[in-house]
Amino acid sequence: LIAVDNRPDQKVALRNADLLIRESVDLVIEFQTDEHIAPMISAKYREASIPLIAVEVPHPGATYFGANNYEAGLIGGRYLIRWAKQHWQGAVDEIIFLELPRAGPLPRSRLTGMLMGIREGLRQADGIPVTYLNGDGRFGPSLEAVRKHLRQSPSRHTLVGAINDPSALGALRAFEEAGRAEECAVMGQNAGPDARAELRRKSTRLIGSVGYFPEKYGEGLIHLAEDILEHRPTPPAVFVKHQLITAENVDHYYPNDALLLAANI
């Protein structure tokens, strides 16, 4: 087993591909988030006759493993509008989406799914302004993008859908530092440890995060890799099963979080 770190950086990812080819590996499991170099990486492995599994971001000719992005977005969007109906009587002034353009169109379909989920739950949603902000999938850039947007936005009821949890948390902090936390409801994607910790914080406006359960990826990836190497029939894409994680069910799905936190102290 050879493990390399893409960091993420285009040049590093391409160098890592060359390194694995020189090592004559039997199969590559690739996770890198830049769609622009995905064709180059795929071409390298294809020329070397090395099968490729692409995690989360599609690579031409590779077997895809990861999120059903549109479905995950739909789950989040439906819950956002249900929450808005319960707490704001459906009065939504604006929808903000935190995007990650460099990851390409498939991860962006999470946001498309969220918008469709909102619109199917609220008849007048077509008239609500939708703002897309580039948070680059990271806390800092998302915080700054939303911070800047709030300086000129008068909206009092804003739904926020993020491409992932770091962007969701960055957006939430921007509303909090502006003293406007009560004016937003935020939906994350991934249900990672930081988001789960936030969901347990009293009165948080992170109302949910769609779970991808990456802790289960390893087993699924190894089974898929074995099938490919044994030349057994495999689908072109293997999707994980998603689940909405909220303050009400986070302890059910992740009962050991407190133990993990204690172990890291």
Protein backbone atom coordinates (compact mmCIF):
# COMPACT_ATOMS: atom_id res chain seq x y z
CA LEU A 1 0.00 0.00 0.00
CA ILE A 2 1.44 3.35 -1.08
CA ALA A 3 -0.21 6.54 0.24
CA VAL A 4 0.52 10.02 -1.13
CA ASP A 5 -0.94 13.42 -0.30
CA ASN A 6 -2.29 15.72 -3.05
CA ARG A 7 -2.43 18.54 -0.42
CA PRO A 8 -4.56 19.70 -2.62
CA ASP A 9 -2.35 21.12 -5.36
CA GLN A 10 -2.48 20.51 -9.11
CA LYS A 11 1.27 20.05 -9.56
CA VAL A 12 1.53 17.78 -6.52
CA ALA A 13 -1.37 15.62 -7.74
CA LEU A 14 0.25 15.19 -11.16
CA ARG A 15 3.62 14.36 -9.58
CA ASN A 16 1.93 11.82 -7.32
CA ALA A 17 0.36 10.15 -10.34
CA ASP A 18 3.78 9.85 -11.96
CA LEU A 19 5.20 8.41 -8.74
CA LEU A 20 2.51 5.73 -8.47
CA ILE A 21 3.00 4.78 -12.11
CA ARG A 22 6.75 4.40 -11.54
CA GLU A 23 5.94 2.13 -8.59
CA SER A 24 3.83 -0.05 -10.94
CA VAL A 25 0.84 -0.13 -8.59
CA ASP A 26 -2.03 -2.49 -9.44
CA LEU A 27 -4.80 0.04 -8.86
CA VAL A 28 -5.18 3.67 -7.77
CA ILE A 29 -7.81 5.18 -5.46
CA GLU A 30 -7.66 8.88 -6.25
CA PHE A 31 -9.14 11.77 -4.25
CA GLN A 32 -8.36 15.17 -5.69
CA THR A 33 -10.86 17.98 -6.07
CA ASP A 34 -9.71 19.88 -9.17
CA GLU A 35 -11.71 18.89 -12.24
CA HIS A 36 -9.31 20.71 -14.57
CA ILE A 37 -6.52 18.16 -14.12
CA ALA A 38 -8.80 15.13 -13.84
CA PRO A 39 -8.45 14.31 -17.58
CA MET A 40 -4.64 14.53 -17.35
CA ILE A 41 -4.50 12.26 -14.33
CA SER A 42 -6.87 9.76 -15.95
CA ALA A 43 -4.80 9.77 -19.15
CA LYS A 44 -1.61 8.97 -17.22
CA TYR A 45 -3.14 5.91 -15.57
CA ARG A 46 -4.90 4.80 -18.74
CA GLU A 47 -1.63 4.86 -20.69
CA ALA A 48 -0.04 2.82 -17.89
CA SER A 49 -2.98 0.35 -17.91
CA ILE A 50 -3.66 1.02 -14.23
CA PRO A 51 -7.34 0.96 -13.18
CA LEU A 52 -8.56 4.05 -11.36
CA ILE A 53 -11.25 4.67 -8.74
CA ALA A 54 -12.13 8.36 -8.39
CA VAL A 55 -13.50 9.38 -5.01
CA GLU A 56 -16.11 12.20 -4.98
CA VAL A 57 -14.82 14.02 -8.10
CA PRO A 58 -15.29 12.18 -11.43
CA HIS A 59 -12.26 11.43 -13.60
CA PRO A 60 -12.77 10.35 -17.25
CA GLY A 61 -12.82 6.58 -17.57
CA ALA A 62 -12.52 5.98 -13.83
CA THR A 63 -15.00 4.13 -11.64
CA TYR A 64 -16.73 6.73 -9.47
CA PHE A 65 -17.18 6.17 -5.72
CA GLY A 66 -18.85 8.66 -3.43
CA ALA A 67 -21.77 10.98 -3.02
CA ASN A 68 -25.00 11.02 -4.92
CA ASN A 69 -24.62 14.77 -4.98
CA TYR A 70 -28.02 15.78 -6.33
CA GLU A 71 -29.84 13.48 -3.92
CA ALA A 72 -27.79 14.79 -0.98
CA GLY A 73 -28.66 18.33 -1.97
CA LEU A 74 -32.33 17.49 -2.34
CA ILE A 75 -32.39 16.09 1.20
CA GLY A 76 -30.84 19.30 2.56
CA GLY A 77 -33.08 21.63 0.57
CA ARG A 78 -36.28 19.88 1.60
CA TYR A 79 -35.32 20.20 5.24
CA LEU A 80 -34.34 23.87 4.87
CA ILE A 81 -37.73 24.85 3.55
CA ARG A 82 -39.55 22.66 6.08
CA TRP A 83 -37.64 24.47 8.83
CA ALA A 84 -38.49 27.86 7.28
CA LYS A 85 -42.18 26.99 7.24
CA GLN A 86 -42.08 25.93 10.89
CA HIS A 87 -40.10 28.92 12.18
CA TRP A 88 -40.68 31.75 9.67
CA GLN A 89 -44.08 30.74 8.26
CA GLY A 90 -42.29 30.26 4.94
CA ALA A 91 -41.17 33.90 4.74
CA VAL A 92 -37.77 33.64 3.01
CA ASP A 93 -36.10 36.81 1.69
CA GLU A 94 -32.96 35.31 0.17
CA ILE A 95 -31.15 32.05 -0.55
CA ILE A 96 -27.35 31.96 -0.37
CA PHE A 97 -25.31 29.08 -1.76
CA LEU A 98 -21.63 28.61 -0.93
CA GLU A 99 -20.05 26.95 -3.96
CA LEU A 100 -16.72 25.34 -4.89
CA PRO A 101 -16.30 26.09 -8.62
CA ARG A 102 -12.96 24.32 -9.11
CA ALA A 103 -14.50 20.98 -8.11
CA GLY A 104 -16.67 21.05 -11.23
CA PRO A 105 -20.32 20.42 -12.05
CA LEU A 106 -20.95 17.17 -10.14
CA PRO A 107 -20.33 18.50 -6.62
CA ARG A 108 -22.20 21.65 -7.65
CA SER A 109 -25.26 19.47 -8.23
CA ARG A 110 -25.55 19.39 -4.42
CA LEU A 111 -26.54 23.05 -4.65
CA THR A 112 -28.86 22.36 -7.59
CA GLY A 113 -30.53 19.66 -5.52
CA MET A 114 -30.89 22.02 -2.56
CA LEU A 115 -32.52 24.66 -4.73
CA MET A 116 -34.93 22.10 -6.20
CA GLY A 117 -35.76 20.84 -2.70
CA ILE A 118 -36.56 24.38 -1.57
CA ARG A 119 -38.64 25.13 -4.64
CA GLU A 120 -40.69 21.95 -4.45
CA GLY A 121 -41.60 22.82 -0.85
CA LEU A 122 -42.48 26.48 -1.37
CA ARG A 123 -44.65 27.53 -4.28
CA GLN A 124 -43.40 31.12 -4.35
CA ALA A 125 -39.71 30.13 -4.11
CA ASP A 126 -39.09 31.00 -7.77
CA GLY A 127 -39.32 34.68 -6.83
CA ILE A 128 -36.77 34.52 -4.01
CA PRO A 129 -33.34 36.00 -4.92
CA VAL A 130 -30.57 33.38 -5.09
CA THR A 131 -26.95 34.42 -4.47
CA TYR A 132 -23.96 32.20 -5.22
CA LEU A 133 -20.74 32.91 -3.32
CA ASN A 134 -17.38 31.22 -3.89
CA GLY A 135 -16.27 29.86 -0.52
CA ASP A 136 -13.79 27.44 -2.12
CA GLY A 137 -15.06 24.72 0.20
CA ARG A 138 -13.08 26.25 3.10
CA PHE A 139 -13.99 28.00 6.34
CA GLY A 140 -11.93 31.19 5.87
CA PRO A 141 -12.93 32.09 2.31
CA SER A 142 -16.57 31.26 3.10
CA LEU A 143 -16.51 33.45 6.20
CA GLU A 144 -15.07 36.34 4.21
CA ALA A 145 -17.46 35.90 1.26
CA VAL A 146 -20.55 35.92 3.48
CA ARG A 147 -19.13 38.70 5.67
CA LYS A 148 -18.74 40.89 2.57
CA HIS A 149 -22.20 39.98 1.27
CA LEU A 150 -23.92 40.83 4.55
CA ARG A 151 -22.61 44.38 4.42
CA GLN A 152 -25.01 45.11 1.58
CA SER A 153 -27.78 42.57 2.18
CA PRO A 154 -30.89 43.73 4.08
CA SER A 155 -32.49 40.25 4.10
CA ARG A 156 -34.05 39.22 7.40
CA HIS A 157 -34.77 35.57 6.61
CA THR A 158 -31.96 33.87 4.70
CA LEU A 159 -31.55 30.18 3.88
CA VAL A 160 -27.92 29.15 3.42
CA GLY A 161 -26.88 25.99 1.60
CA ALA A 162 -23.22 25.07 1.51
CA ILE A 163 -21.20 22.70 -0.66
CA ASN A 164 -19.64 21.24 2.50
CA ASP A 165 -19.41 21.73 6.26
CA PRO A 166 -16.40 24.10 6.37
CA SER A 167 -18.29 26.49 4.09
CA ALA A 168 -21.45 26.10 6.16
CA LEU A 169 -19.59 26.90 9.38
CA GLY A 170 -17.82 29.87 7.79
CA ALA A 171 -21.16 31.28 6.65
CA LEU A 172 -22.69 30.74 10.07
CA ARG A 173 -19.83 32.55 11.83
CA ALA A 174 -20.24 35.51 9.46
CA PHE A 175 -23.90 35.86 10.45
CA GLU A 176 -22.98 35.50 14.13
CA GLU A 177 -20.24 38.13 14.08
CA ALA A 178 -22.65 40.52 12.34
CA GLY A 179 -25.16 39.96 15.14
CA ARG A 180 -27.58 38.43 12.63
CA ALA A 181 -27.56 34.75 13.56
CA GLU A 182 -31.33 34.74 14.08
CA GLU A 183 -31.76 35.81 10.46
CA CYS A 184 -30.32 32.63 8.94
CA ALA A 185 -30.77 28.87 8.75
CA VAL A 186 -27.73 26.95 7.46
CA MET A 187 -27.45 23.50 5.88
CA GLY A 188 -24.12 21.71 5.57
CA GLN A 189 -22.96 18.68 3.63
CA ASN A 190 -20.84 15.77 4.97
CA ALA A 191 -21.84 15.82 8.69
CA GLY A 192 -18.17 15.82 9.68
CA PRO A 193 -16.91 16.12 13.29
CA ASP A 194 -16.91 19.94 13.34
CA ALA A 195 -20.47 20.10 12.03
CA ARG A 196 -21.62 17.48 14.53
CA ALA A 197 -20.07 19.48 17.35
CA GLU A 198 -21.89 22.58 16.10
CA LEU A 199 -25.20 20.70 15.93
CA ARG A 200 -24.80 19.94 19.64
CA ARG A 201 -24.32 23.64 20.47
CA LYS A 202 -27.47 25.11 22.02
CA SER A 203 -29.48 27.39 19.72
CA THR A 204 -27.14 26.95 16.73
CA ARG A 205 -28.47 28.03 13.35
CA LEU A 206 -26.75 25.12 11.65
CA ILE A 207 -30.01 23.24 11.39
CA GLY A 208 -28.57 20.15 9.73
CA SER A 209 -25.90 18.52 7.61
CA VAL A 210 -26.36 15.69 5.15
CA GLY A 211 -24.32 12.67 6.22
CA TYR A 212 -21.96 10.91 3.80
CA PHE A 213 -20.39 8.61 6.41
CA PRO A 214 -16.82 8.73 5.08
CA GLU A 215 -15.79 6.47 7.95
CA LYS A 216 -17.48 3.71 5.95
CA TYR A 217 -15.77 4.55 2.65
CA GLY A 218 -12.76 2.34 3.31
CA GLU A 219 -14.68 -0.91 3.39
CA GLY A 220 -16.66 -0.02 0.26
CA LEU A 221 -13.54 1.09 -1.63
CA ILE A 222 -11.64 -2.10 -0.81
CA HIS A 223 -14.56 -4.27 -1.96
CA LEU A 224 -14.78 -2.27 -5.19
CA ALA A 225 -11.01 -2.47 -5.73
CA GLU A 226 -11.05 -6.25 -5.22
CA ASP A 227 -13.87 -6.63 -7.75
CA ILE A 228 -11.97 -4.56 -10.33
CA LEU A 229 -8.72 -6.46 -9.79
CA GLU A 230 -10.53 -9.81 -10.00
CA HIS A 231 -12.22 -8.63 -13.23
CA ARG A 232 -15.68 -9.05 -11.76
CA PRO A 233 -18.50 -6.90 -13.21
CA THR A 234 -18.58 -3.46 -11.56
CA PRO A 235 -20.94 -0.51 -12.05
CA PRO A 236 -19.55 2.75 -13.47
CA ALA A 237 -20.56 4.52 -10.24
CA VAL A 238 -21.03 3.40 -6.64
CA PHE A 239 -23.04 5.84 -4.52
CA VAL A 240 -23.06 6.08 -0.74
CA LYS A 241 -26.34 6.25 1.18
CA HIS A 242 -27.12 9.67 2.64
CA GLN A 243 -28.89 10.63 5.85
CA LEU A 244 -29.90 14.02 7.22
CA ILE A 245 -28.13 14.66 10.53
CA THR A 246 -29.73 17.16 12.91
CA ALA A 247 -29.47 18.12 16.57
CA GLU A 248 -32.23 15.60 17.27
CA ASN A 249 -30.52 12.53 15.76
CA VAL A 250 -26.77 13.30 15.83
CA ASP A 251 -26.25 11.29 19.01
CA HIS A 252 -28.09 8.33 17.50
CA TYR A 253 -25.86 8.19 14.41
CA TYR A 254 -22.67 9.24 16.18
CA PRO A 255 -22.93 8.06 19.80
CA ASN A 256 -19.16 7.79 20.19
CA ASP A 257 -18.25 11.40 19.40
CA ALA A 258 -17.76 12.22 23.09
CA LEU A 259 -15.36 9.29 23.47
CA LEU A 260 -13.37 10.39 20.42
CA LEU A 261 -13.16 13.93 21.76
CA ALA A 262 -11.91 12.69 25.14
CA ALA A 263 -9.30 10.52 23.42
CA ASN A 264 -7.94 13.55 21.53
CA ILE A 265 -7.57 15.73 24.62
